[in-house]
ModelCIF file with pLDDT and N, C-alpha, C, O atoms, coordinates in Angstrom:
data_MODEL
#
_entry.id   MODEL 
#
_entity.id                         1 
_entity.type                       polymer 
_entity.pdbx_number_of_molecules   1 
#
_entity_poly.entity_id                      1 
_entity_poly.type                           'polypeptide(L)' 
_entity_poly.nstd_linkage                   no 
_entity_poly.nstd_monomer                   no 
_entity_poly.pdbx_seq_one_letter_code       GRSFSSYAMGWFRQAPGKEREFVAALNWSGGSTYYADSVKGRFTISR 
_entity_poly.pdbx_seq_one_letter_code_can   GRSFSSYAMGWFRQAPGKEREFVAALNWSGGSTYYADSVKGRFTISR 
_entity_poly.pdbx_strand_id                 A 
#
loop_
_entity_poly_seq.entity_id 
_entity_poly_seq.num 
_entity_poly_seq.mon_id 
_entity_poly_seq.hetero 
1 1  GLY n 
1 2  ARG n 
1 3  SER n 
1 4  PHE n 
1 5  SER n 
1 6  SER n 
1 7  TYR n 
1 8  ALA n 
1 9  MET n 
1 10 GLY n 
1 11 TRP n 
1 12 PHE n 
1 13 ARG n 
1 14 GLN n 
1 15 ALA n 
1 16 PRO n 
1 17 GLY n 
1 18 LYS n 
1 19 GLU n 
1 20 ARG n 
1 21 GLU n 
1 22 PHE n 
1 23 VAL n 
1 24 ALA n 
1 25 ALA n 
1 26 LEU n 
1 27 ASN n 
1 28 TRP n 
1 29 SER n 
1 30 GLY n 
1 31 GLY n 
1 32 SER n 
1 33 THR n 
1 34 TYR n 
1 35 TYR n 
1 36 ALA n 
1 37 ASP n 
1 38 SER n 
1 39 VAL n 
1 40 LYS n 
1 41 GLY n 
1 42 ARG n 
1 43 PHE n 
1 44 THR n 
1 45 ILE n 
1 46 SER n 
1 47 ARG n 
#
_struct_asym.id          A 
_struct_asym.entity_id   1 
#
loop_
_ma_qa_metric.id 
_ma_qa_metric.mode 
_ma_qa_metric.name 
_ma_qa_metric.software_group_id 
_ma_qa_metric.type 
1 global pLDDT . pLDDT 
2 local  pLDDT . pLDDT 
#
_ma_qa_metric_global.metric_id      1 
_ma_qa_metric_global.metric_value   95.40 
_ma_qa_metric_global.model_id       1 
_ma_qa_metric_global.ordinal_id     1 
#
loop_
_ma_qa_metric_local.label_asym_id 
_ma_qa_metric_local.label_comp_id 
_ma_qa_metric_local.label_seq_id 
_ma_qa_metric_local.metric_id 
_ma_qa_metric_local.metric_value 
_ma_qa_metric_local.model_id 
_ma_qa_metric_local.ordinal_id 
A GLY 1  2 90.00 1 1  
A ARG 2  2 87.00 1 2  
A SER 3  2 87.00 1 3  
A PHE 4  2 89.00 1 4  
A SER 5  2 89.00 1 5  
A SER 6  2 92.00 1 6  
A TYR 7  2 94.00 1 7  
A ALA 8  2 95.00 1 8  
A MET 9  2 96.00 1 9  
A GLY 10 2 97.00 1 10 
A TRP 11 2 98.00 1 11 
A PHE 12 2 98.00 1 12 
A ARG 13 2 98.00 1 13 
A GLN 14 2 98.00 1 14 
A ALA 15 2 97.00 1 15 
A PRO 16 2 92.00 1 16 
A GLY 17 2 95.00 1 17 
A LYS 18 2 97.00 1 18 
A GLU 19 2 97.00 1 19 
A ARG 20 2 97.00 1 20 
A GLU 21 2 97.00 1 21 
A PHE 22 2 98.00 1 22 
A VAL 23 2 98.00 1 23 
A ALA 24 2 98.00 1 24 
A ALA 25 2 97.00 1 25 
A LEU 26 2 97.00 1 26 
A ASN 27 2 95.00 1 27 
A TRP 28 2 92.00 1 28 
A SER 29 2 91.00 1 29 
A GLY 30 2 89.00 1 30 
A GLY 31 2 92.00 1 31 
A SER 32 2 95.00 1 32 
A THR 33 2 97.00 1 33 
A TYR 34 2 97.00 1 34 
A TYR 35 2 98.00 1 35 
A ALA 36 2 97.00 1 36 
A ASP 37 2 97.00 1 37 
A SER 38 2 97.00 1 38 
A VAL 39 2 98.00 1 39 
A LYS 40 2 98.00 1 40 
A GLY 41 2 98.00 1 41 
A ARG 42 2 98.00 1 42 
A PHE 43 2 98.00 1 43 
A THR 44 2 98.00 1 44 
A ILE 45 2 98.00 1 45 
A SER 46 2 97.00 1 46 
A ARG 47 2 96.00 1 47 
#
loop_
_atom_site.group_PDB 
_atom_site.id 
_atom_site.type_symbol 
_atom_site.label_atom_id 
_atom_site.label_alt_id 
_atom_site.label_comp_id 
_atom_site.label_asym_id 
_atom_site.label_entity_id 
_atom_site.label_seq_id 
_atom_site.pdbx_PDB_ins_code 
_atom_site.Cartn_x 
_atom_site.Cartn_y 
_atom_site.Cartn_z 
_atom_site.occupancy 
_atom_site.B_iso_or_equiv 
_atom_site.pdbx_formal_charge 
_atom_site.auth_seq_id 
_atom_site.auth_comp_id 
_atom_site.auth_asym_id 
_atom_site.auth_atom_id 
_atom_site.pdbx_PDB_model_num 
ATOM 1   N N  . GLY A 1 1  ? 73.545  166.637 71.226 1.00 90.00 ? 1  GLY A N  1 
ATOM 2   C CA . GLY A 1 1  ? 72.563  167.177 70.268 1.00 90.00 ? 1  GLY A CA 1 
ATOM 3   C C  . GLY A 1 1  ? 72.238  166.274 69.098 1.00 90.00 ? 1  GLY A C  1 
ATOM 4   O O  . GLY A 1 1  ? 71.202  166.409 68.449 1.00 90.00 ? 1  GLY A O  1 
ATOM 5   N N  . ARG A 1 2  ? 73.158  165.340 68.843 1.00 87.00 ? 2  ARG A N  1 
ATOM 6   C CA . ARG A 1 2  ? 72.934  164.321 67.772 1.00 87.00 ? 2  ARG A CA 1 
ATOM 7   C C  . ARG A 1 2  ? 74.022  163.284 67.955 1.00 87.00 ? 2  ARG A C  1 
ATOM 8   O O  . ARG A 1 2  ? 75.004  163.484 68.668 1.00 87.00 ? 2  ARG A O  1 
ATOM 9   N N  . SER A 1 3  ? 73.799  162.143 67.265 1.00 87.00 ? 3  SER A N  1 
ATOM 10  C CA . SER A 1 3  ? 74.826  161.124 67.275 1.00 87.00 ? 3  SER A CA 1 
ATOM 11  C C  . SER A 1 3  ? 75.729  161.255 66.073 1.00 87.00 ? 3  SER A C  1 
ATOM 12  O O  . SER A 1 3  ? 75.281  161.520 64.958 1.00 87.00 ? 3  SER A O  1 
ATOM 13  N N  . PHE A 1 4  ? 77.049  161.058 66.329 1.00 89.00 ? 4  PHE A N  1 
ATOM 14  C CA . PHE A 1 4  ? 77.994  161.114 65.236 1.00 89.00 ? 4  PHE A CA 1 
ATOM 15  C C  . PHE A 1 4  ? 78.593  159.737 64.994 1.00 89.00 ? 4  PHE A C  1 
ATOM 16  O O  . PHE A 1 4  ? 79.689  159.622 64.445 1.00 89.00 ? 4  PHE A O  1 
ATOM 17  N N  . SER A 1 5  ? 77.884  158.699 65.398 1.00 89.00 ? 5  SER A N  1 
ATOM 18  C CA . SER A 1 5  ? 78.405  157.360 65.350 1.00 89.00 ? 5  SER A CA 1 
ATOM 19  C C  . SER A 1 5  ? 78.677  156.882 63.906 1.00 89.00 ? 5  SER A C  1 
ATOM 20  O O  . SER A 1 5  ? 79.438  155.939 63.693 1.00 89.00 ? 5  SER A O  1 
ATOM 21  N N  . SER A 1 6  ? 78.039  157.552 62.913 1.00 92.00 ? 6  SER A N  1 
ATOM 22  C CA . SER A 1 6  ? 78.228  157.138 61.540 1.00 92.00 ? 6  SER A CA 1 
ATOM 23  C C  . SER A 1 6  ? 79.142  158.138 60.772 1.00 92.00 ? 6  SER A C  1 
ATOM 24  O O  . SER A 1 6  ? 79.308  158.036 59.557 1.00 92.00 ? 6  SER A O  1 
ATOM 25  N N  . TYR A 1 7  ? 79.718  159.092 61.511 1.00 94.00 ? 7  TYR A N  1 
ATOM 26  C CA . TYR A 1 7  ? 80.534  160.130 60.911 1.00 94.00 ? 7  TYR A CA 1 
ATOM 27  C C  . TYR A 1 7  ? 82.006  159.968 61.220 1.00 94.00 ? 7  TYR A C  1 
ATOM 28  O O  . TYR A 1 7  ? 82.354  159.480 62.295 1.00 94.00 ? 7  TYR A O  1 
ATOM 29  N N  . ALA A 1 8  ? 82.870  160.358 60.323 1.00 95.00 ? 8  ALA A N  1 
ATOM 30  C CA . ALA A 1 8  ? 84.257  160.489 60.629 1.00 95.00 ? 8  ALA A CA 1 
ATOM 31  C C  . ALA A 1 8  ? 84.423  161.677 61.554 1.00 95.00 ? 8  ALA A C  1 
ATOM 32  O O  . ALA A 1 8  ? 83.701  162.665 61.419 1.00 95.00 ? 8  ALA A O  1 
ATOM 33  N N  . MET A 1 9  ? 85.348  161.607 62.479 1.00 96.00 ? 9  MET A N  1 
ATOM 34  C CA . MET A 1 9  ? 85.635  162.677 63.423 1.00 96.00 ? 9  MET A CA 1 
ATOM 35  C C  . MET A 1 9  ? 87.134  162.863 63.519 1.00 96.00 ? 9  MET A C  1 
ATOM 36  O O  . MET A 1 9  ? 87.910  161.976 63.162 1.00 96.00 ? 9  MET A O  1 
ATOM 37  N N  . GLY A 1 10 ? 87.524  164.008 63.998 1.00 97.00 ? 10 GLY A N  1 
ATOM 38  C CA . GLY A 1 10 ? 88.961  164.269 64.062 1.00 97.00 ? 10 GLY A CA 1 
ATOM 39  C C  . GLY A 1 10 ? 89.349  165.455 64.941 1.00 97.00 ? 10 GLY A C  1 
ATOM 40  O O  . GLY A 1 10 ? 88.536  166.043 65.654 1.00 97.00 ? 10 GLY A O  1 
ATOM 41  N N  . TRP A 1 11 ? 90.620  165.763 64.846 1.00 98.00 ? 11 TRP A N  1 
ATOM 42  C CA . TRP A 1 11 ? 91.218  166.858 65.591 1.00 98.00 ? 11 TRP A CA 1 
ATOM 43  C C  . TRP A 1 11 ? 92.029  167.736 64.673 1.00 98.00 ? 11 TRP A C  1 
ATOM 44  O O  . TRP A 1 11 ? 92.726  167.254 63.779 1.00 98.00 ? 11 TRP A O  1 
ATOM 45  N N  . PHE A 1 12 ? 91.933  169.034 64.901 1.00 98.00 ? 12 PHE A N  1 
ATOM 46  C CA . PHE A 1 12 ? 92.752  170.033 64.228 1.00 98.00 ? 12 PHE A CA 1 
ATOM 47  C C  . PHE A 1 12 ? 93.397  170.862 65.297 1.00 98.00 ? 12 PHE A C  1 
ATOM 48  O O  . PHE A 1 12 ? 92.999  170.765 66.459 1.00 98.00 ? 12 PHE A O  1 
ATOM 49  N N  . ARG A 1 13 ? 94.383  171.680 64.961 1.00 98.00 ? 13 ARG A N  1 
ATOM 50  C CA . ARG A 1 13 ? 95.041  172.567 65.901 1.00 98.00 ? 13 ARG A CA 1 
ATOM 51  C C  . ARG A 1 13 ? 95.434  173.866 65.203 1.00 98.00 ? 13 ARG A C  1 
ATOM 52  O O  . ARG A 1 13 ? 95.610  173.931 63.987 1.00 98.00 ? 13 ARG A O  1 
ATOM 53  N N  . GLN A 1 14 ? 95.566  174.918 66.059 1.00 98.00 ? 14 GLN A N  1 
ATOM 54  C CA . GLN A 1 14 ? 95.944  176.190 65.539 1.00 98.00 ? 14 GLN A CA 1 
ATOM 55  C C  . GLN A 1 14 ? 96.931  176.842 66.539 1.00 98.00 ? 14 GLN A C  1 
ATOM 56  O O  . GLN A 1 14 ? 96.578  177.158 67.675 1.00 98.00 ? 14 GLN A O  1 
ATOM 57  N N  . ALA A 1 15 ? 98.137  177.019 66.080 1.00 97.00 ? 15 ALA A N  1 
ATOM 58  C CA . ALA A 1 15 ? 99.171  177.675 66.911 1.00 97.00 ? 15 ALA A CA 1 
ATOM 59  C C  . ALA A 1 15 ? 99.089  179.187 66.666 1.00 97.00 ? 15 ALA A C  1 
ATOM 60  O O  . ALA A 1 15 ? 98.563  179.634 65.647 1.00 97.00 ? 15 ALA A O  1 
ATOM 61  N N  . PRO A 1 16 ? 99.619  179.964 67.620 1.00 92.00 ? 16 PRO A N  1 
ATOM 62  C CA . PRO A 1 16 ? 99.552  181.449 67.464 1.00 92.00 ? 16 PRO A CA 1 
ATOM 63  C C  . PRO A 1 16 ? 100.237 181.882 66.200 1.00 92.00 ? 16 PRO A C  1 
ATOM 64  O O  . PRO A 1 16 ? 101.373 181.497 65.927 1.00 92.00 ? 16 PRO A O  1 
ATOM 65  N N  . GLY A 1 17 ? 99.520  182.708 65.408 1.00 95.00 ? 17 GLY A N  1 
ATOM 66  C CA . GLY A 1 17 ? 100.074 183.243 64.201 1.00 95.00 ? 17 GLY A CA 1 
ATOM 67  C C  . GLY A 1 17 ? 100.096 182.282 63.036 1.00 95.00 ? 17 GLY A C  1 
ATOM 68  O O  . GLY A 1 17 ? 100.651 182.603 61.985 1.00 95.00 ? 17 GLY A O  1 
ATOM 69  N N  . LYS A 1 18 ? 99.506  181.111 63.194 1.00 97.00 ? 18 LYS A N  1 
ATOM 70  C CA . LYS A 1 18 ? 99.505  180.108 62.145 1.00 97.00 ? 18 LYS A CA 1 
ATOM 71  C C  . LYS A 1 18 ? 98.053  179.726 61.768 1.00 97.00 ? 18 LYS A C  1 
ATOM 72  O O  . LYS A 1 18 ? 97.111  179.975 62.520 1.00 97.00 ? 18 LYS A O  1 
ATOM 73  N N  . GLU A 1 19 ? 97.916  179.125 60.599 1.00 97.00 ? 19 GLU A N  1 
ATOM 74  C CA . GLU A 1 19 ? 96.585  178.632 60.190 1.00 97.00 ? 19 GLU A CA 1 
ATOM 75  C C  . GLU A 1 19 ? 96.281  177.359 60.921 1.00 97.00 ? 19 GLU A C  1 
ATOM 76  O O  . GLU A 1 19 ? 97.165  176.656 61.410 1.00 97.00 ? 19 GLU A O  1 
ATOM 77  N N  . ARG A 1 20 ? 94.968  177.078 60.981 1.00 97.00 ? 20 ARG A N  1 
ATOM 78  C CA . ARG A 1 20 ? 94.509  175.834 61.549 1.00 97.00 ? 20 ARG A CA 1 
ATOM 79  C C  . ARG A 1 20 ? 94.995  174.667 60.689 1.00 97.00 ? 20 ARG A C  1 
ATOM 80  O O  . ARG A 1 20 ? 94.936  174.728 59.461 1.00 97.00 ? 20 ARG A O  1 
ATOM 81  N N  . GLU A 1 21 ? 95.475  173.607 61.338 1.00 97.00 ? 21 GLU A N  1 
ATOM 82  C CA . GLU A 1 21 ? 95.955  172.445 60.592 1.00 97.00 ? 21 GLU A CA 1 
ATOM 83  C C  . GLU A 1 21 ? 95.384  171.151 61.080 1.00 97.00 ? 21 GLU A C  1 
ATOM 84  O O  . GLU A 1 21 ? 94.991  171.016 62.239 1.00 97.00 ? 21 GLU A O  1 
ATOM 85  N N  . PHE A 1 22 ? 95.343  170.203 60.184 1.00 98.00 ? 22 PHE A N  1 
ATOM 86  C CA . PHE A 1 22 ? 94.841  168.884 60.522 1.00 98.00 ? 22 PHE A CA 1 
ATOM 87  C C  . PHE A 1 22 ? 95.787  168.132 61.417 1.00 98.00 ? 22 PHE A C  1 
ATOM 88  O O  . PHE A 1 22 ? 97.002  168.224 61.242 1.00 98.00 ? 22 PHE A O  1 
ATOM 89  N N  . VAL A 1 23 ? 95.267  167.385 62.377 1.00 98.00 ? 23 VAL A N  1 
ATOM 90  C CA . VAL A 1 23 ? 96.068  166.553 63.242 1.00 98.00 ? 23 VAL A CA 1 
ATOM 91  C C  . VAL A 1 23 ? 95.819  165.064 63.072 1.00 98.00 ? 23 VAL A C  1 
ATOM 92  O O  . VAL A 1 23 ? 96.743  164.290 62.820 1.00 98.00 ? 23 VAL A O  1 
ATOM 93  N N  . ALA A 1 24 ? 94.523  164.662 63.216 1.00 98.00 ? 24 ALA A N  1 
ATOM 94  C CA . ALA A 1 24 ? 94.192  163.239 63.127 1.00 98.00 ? 24 ALA A CA 1 
ATOM 95  C C  . ALA A 1 24 ? 92.709  163.113 62.863 1.00 98.00 ? 24 ALA A C  1 
ATOM 96  O O  . ALA A 1 24 ? 91.924  164.011 63.166 1.00 98.00 ? 24 ALA A O  1 
ATOM 97  N N  . ALA A 1 25 ? 92.335  161.954 62.278 1.00 97.00 ? 25 ALA A N  1 
ATOM 98  C CA . ALA A 1 25 ? 90.902  161.657 62.064 1.00 97.00 ? 25 ALA A CA 1 
ATOM 99  C C  . ALA A 1 25 ? 90.708  160.153 62.066 1.00 97.00 ? 25 ALA A C  1 
ATOM 100 O O  . ALA A 1 25 ? 91.636  159.389 61.801 1.00 97.00 ? 25 ALA A O  1 
ATOM 101 N N  . LEU A 1 26 ? 89.502  159.748 62.364 1.00 97.00 ? 26 LEU A N  1 
ATOM 102 C CA . LEU A 1 26 ? 89.157  158.323 62.239 1.00 97.00 ? 26 LEU A CA 1 
ATOM 103 C C  . LEU A 1 26 ? 87.754  158.151 61.726 1.00 97.00 ? 26 LEU A C  1 
ATOM 104 O O  . LEU A 1 26 ? 86.919  159.041 61.886 1.00 97.00 ? 26 LEU A O  1 
ATOM 105 N N  . ASN A 1 27 ? 87.475  157.002 61.102 1.00 95.00 ? 27 ASN A N  1 
ATOM 106 C CA . ASN A 1 27 ? 86.157  156.819 60.536 1.00 95.00 ? 27 ASN A CA 1 
ATOM 107 C C  . ASN A 1 27 ? 85.178  156.395 61.602 1.00 95.00 ? 27 ASN A C  1 
ATOM 108 O O  . ASN A 1 27 ? 85.513  156.360 62.786 1.00 95.00 ? 27 ASN A O  1 
ATOM 109 N N  . TRP A 1 28 ? 83.956  156.071 61.184 1.00 92.00 ? 28 TRP A N  1 
ATOM 110 C CA . TRP A 1 28 ? 82.877  155.842 62.142 1.00 92.00 ? 28 TRP A CA 1 
ATOM 111 C C  . TRP A 1 28 ? 83.157  154.663 63.069 1.00 92.00 ? 28 TRP A C  1 
ATOM 112 O O  . TRP A 1 28 ? 82.730  154.674 64.223 1.00 92.00 ? 28 TRP A O  1 
ATOM 113 N N  . SER A 1 29 ? 83.847  153.676 62.596 1.00 91.00 ? 29 SER A N  1 
ATOM 114 C CA . SER A 1 29 ? 84.081  152.491 63.421 1.00 91.00 ? 29 SER A CA 1 
ATOM 115 C C  . SER A 1 29 ? 85.412  152.574 64.153 1.00 91.00 ? 29 SER A C  1 
ATOM 116 O O  . SER A 1 29 ? 85.674  151.770 65.048 1.00 91.00 ? 29 SER A O  1 
ATOM 117 N N  . GLY A 1 30 ? 86.257  153.532 63.785 1.00 89.00 ? 30 GLY A N  1 
ATOM 118 C CA . GLY A 1 30 ? 87.587  153.603 64.377 1.00 89.00 ? 30 GLY A CA 1 
ATOM 119 C C  . GLY A 1 30 ? 88.585  152.677 63.669 1.00 89.00 ? 30 GLY A C  1 
ATOM 120 O O  . GLY A 1 30 ? 89.753  152.606 64.050 1.00 89.00 ? 30 GLY A O  1 
ATOM 121 N N  . GLY A 1 31 ? 88.124  151.988 62.660 1.00 92.00 ? 31 GLY A N  1 
ATOM 122 C CA . GLY A 1 31 ? 88.969  151.063 61.970 1.00 92.00 ? 31 GLY A CA 1 
ATOM 123 C C  . GLY A 1 31 ? 89.920  151.674 60.957 1.00 92.00 ? 31 GLY A C  1 
ATOM 124 O O  . GLY A 1 31 ? 90.871  151.031 60.513 1.00 92.00 ? 31 GLY A O  1 
ATOM 125 N N  . SER A 1 32 ? 89.656  152.911 60.600 1.00 95.00 ? 32 SER A N  1 
ATOM 126 C CA . SER A 1 32 ? 90.515  153.626 59.653 1.00 95.00 ? 32 SER A CA 1 
ATOM 127 C C  . SER A 1 32 ? 90.915  154.935 60.320 1.00 95.00 ? 32 SER A C  1 
ATOM 128 O O  . SER A 1 32 ? 90.067  155.708 60.764 1.00 95.00 ? 32 SER A O  1 
ATOM 129 N N  . THR A 1 33 ? 92.224  155.169 60.381 1.00 97.00 ? 33 THR A N  1 
ATOM 130 C CA . THR A 1 33 ? 92.728  156.399 61.002 1.00 97.00 ? 33 THR A CA 1 
ATOM 131 C C  . THR A 1 33 ? 93.675  157.076 60.017 1.00 97.00 ? 33 THR A C  1 
ATOM 132 O O  . THR A 1 33 ? 94.194  156.455 59.089 1.00 97.00 ? 33 THR A O  1 
ATOM 133 N N  . TYR A 1 34 ? 93.880  158.354 60.249 1.00 97.00 ? 34 TYR A N  1 
ATOM 134 C CA . TYR A 1 34 ? 94.788  159.147 59.394 1.00 97.00 ? 34 TYR A CA 1 
ATOM 135 C C  . TYR A 1 34 ? 95.421  160.227 60.243 1.00 97.00 ? 34 TYR A C  1 
ATOM 136 O O  . TYR A 1 34 ? 94.727  160.909 60.997 1.00 97.00 ? 34 TYR A O  1 
ATOM 137 N N  . TYR A 1 35 ? 96.748  160.396 60.133 1.00 98.00 ? 35 TYR A N  1 
ATOM 138 C CA . TYR A 1 35 ? 97.480  161.314 60.972 1.00 98.00 ? 35 TYR A CA 1 
ATOM 139 C C  . TYR A 1 35 ? 98.319  162.267 60.109 1.00 98.00 ? 35 TYR A C  1 
ATOM 140 O O  . TYR A 1 35 ? 98.769  161.921 59.017 1.00 98.00 ? 35 TYR A O  1 
ATOM 141 N N  . ALA A 1 36 ? 98.506  163.459 60.635 1.00 97.00 ? 36 ALA A N  1 
ATOM 142 C CA . ALA A 1 36 ? 99.485  164.338 60.090 1.00 97.00 ? 36 ALA A CA 1 
ATOM 143 C C  . ALA A 1 36 ? 100.875 163.777 60.331 1.00 97.00 ? 36 ALA A C  1 
ATOM 144 O O  . ALA A 1 36 ? 101.107 163.164 61.373 1.00 97.00 ? 36 ALA A O  1 
ATOM 145 N N  . ASP A 1 37 ? 101.788 163.961 59.427 1.00 97.00 ? 37 ASP A N  1 
ATOM 146 C CA . ASP A 1 37 ? 103.132 163.431 59.575 1.00 97.00 ? 37 ASP A CA 1 
ATOM 147 C C  . ASP A 1 37 ? 103.811 163.935 60.851 1.00 97.00 ? 37 ASP A C  1 
ATOM 148 O O  . ASP A 1 37 ? 104.631 163.231 61.441 1.00 97.00 ? 37 ASP A O  1 
ATOM 149 N N  . SER A 1 38 ? 103.479 165.113 61.260 1.00 97.00 ? 38 SER A N  1 
ATOM 150 C CA . SER A 1 38 ? 104.139 165.711 62.434 1.00 97.00 ? 38 SER A CA 1 
ATOM 151 C C  . SER A 1 38 ? 103.749 165.070 63.763 1.00 97.00 ? 38 SER A C  1 
ATOM 152 O O  . SER A 1 38 ? 104.422 165.279 64.772 1.00 97.00 ? 38 SER A O  1 
ATOM 153 N N  . VAL A 1 39 ? 102.663 164.286 63.771 1.00 98.00 ? 39 VAL A N  1 
ATOM 154 C CA . VAL A 1 39 ? 102.239 163.632 65.000 1.00 98.00 ? 39 VAL A CA 1 
ATOM 155 C C  . VAL A 1 39 ? 102.218 162.147 64.921 1.00 98.00 ? 39 VAL A C  1 
ATOM 156 O O  . VAL A 1 39 ? 101.971 161.482 65.926 1.00 98.00 ? 39 VAL A O  1 
ATOM 157 N N  . LYS A 1 40 ? 102.469 161.595 63.757 1.00 98.00 ? 40 LYS A N  1 
ATOM 158 C CA . LYS A 1 40 ? 102.412 160.152 63.521 1.00 98.00 ? 40 LYS A CA 1 
ATOM 159 C C  . LYS A 1 40 ? 103.417 159.446 64.468 1.00 98.00 ? 40 LYS A C  1 
ATOM 160 O O  . LYS A 1 40 ? 104.582 159.831 64.572 1.00 98.00 ? 40 LYS A O  1 
ATOM 161 N N  . GLY A 1 41 ? 102.912 158.400 65.147 1.00 98.00 ? 41 GLY A N  1 
ATOM 162 C CA . GLY A 1 41 ? 103.751 157.659 66.073 1.00 98.00 ? 41 GLY A CA 1 
ATOM 163 C C  . GLY A 1 41 ? 103.759 158.207 67.459 1.00 98.00 ? 41 GLY A C  1 
ATOM 164 O O  . GLY A 1 41 ? 104.233 157.538 68.376 1.00 98.00 ? 41 GLY A O  1 
ATOM 165 N N  . ARG A 1 42 ? 103.235 159.442 67.662 1.00 98.00 ? 42 ARG A N  1 
ATOM 166 C CA . ARG A 1 42 ? 103.167 160.060 69.014 1.00 98.00 ? 42 ARG A CA 1 
ATOM 167 C C  . ARG A 1 42 ? 101.727 160.204 69.484 1.00 98.00 ? 42 ARG A C  1 
ATOM 168 O O  . ARG A 1 42 ? 101.445 160.041 70.671 1.00 98.00 ? 42 ARG A O  1 
ATOM 169 N N  . PHE A 1 43 ? 100.814 160.508 68.567 1.00 98.00 ? 43 PHE A N  1 
ATOM 170 C CA . PHE A 1 43 ? 99.395  160.724 68.909 1.00 98.00 ? 43 PHE A CA 1 
ATOM 171 C C  . PHE A 1 43 ? 98.552  159.515 68.448 1.00 98.00 ? 43 PHE A C  1 
ATOM 172 O O  . PHE A 1 43 ? 98.853  158.857 67.452 1.00 98.00 ? 43 PHE A O  1 
ATOM 173 N N  . THR A 1 44 ? 97.507  159.265 69.205 1.00 98.00 ? 44 THR A N  1 
ATOM 174 C CA . THR A 1 44 ? 96.561  158.211 68.859 1.00 98.00 ? 44 THR A CA 1 
ATOM 175 C C  . THR A 1 44 ? 95.143  158.708 68.986 1.00 98.00 ? 44 THR A C  1 
ATOM 176 O O  . THR A 1 44 ? 94.761  159.212 70.042 1.00 98.00 ? 44 THR A O  1 
ATOM 177 N N  . ILE A 1 45 ? 94.364  158.583 67.951 1.00 98.00 ? 45 ILE A N  1 
ATOM 178 C CA . ILE A 1 45 ? 92.961  158.984 68.029 1.00 98.00 ? 45 ILE A CA 1 
ATOM 179 C C  . ILE A 1 45 ? 92.089  157.738 68.184 1.00 98.00 ? 45 ILE A C  1 
ATOM 180 O O  . ILE A 1 45 ? 92.365  156.680 67.619 1.00 98.00 ? 45 ILE A O  1 
ATOM 181 N N  . SER A 1 46 ? 91.021  157.909 68.975 1.00 97.00 ? 46 SER A N  1 
ATOM 182 C CA . SER A 1 46 ? 90.101  156.780 69.206 1.00 97.00 ? 46 SER A CA 1 
ATOM 183 C C  . SER A 1 46 ? 88.726  157.329 69.486 1.00 97.00 ? 46 SER A C  1 
ATOM 184 O O  . SER A 1 46 ? 88.554  158.538 69.639 1.00 97.00 ? 46 SER A O  1 
ATOM 185 N N  . ARG A 1 47 ? 87.744  156.448 69.556 1.00 96.00 ? 47 ARG A N  1 
ATOM 186 C CA . ARG A 1 47 ? 86.384  156.938 69.773 1.00 96.00 ? 47 ARG A CA 1 
ATOM 187 C C  . ARG A 1 47 ? 85.609  155.851 70.535 1.00 96.00 ? 47 ARG A C  1 
ATOM 188 O O  . ARG A 1 47 ? 84.429  156.032 70.838 1.00 96.00 ? 47 ARG A O  1 
#
């Protein structure tokens, strides 16, 4: 429906009975990433 090539994108998650929480994000080029401490070193975001 549109290009997100200039937008940061990411992932969130929601476990049963809990609020939605941030997991990972990366900037438009993929050169800058940010992870929740709970997944750092185990999850990798890319685009």
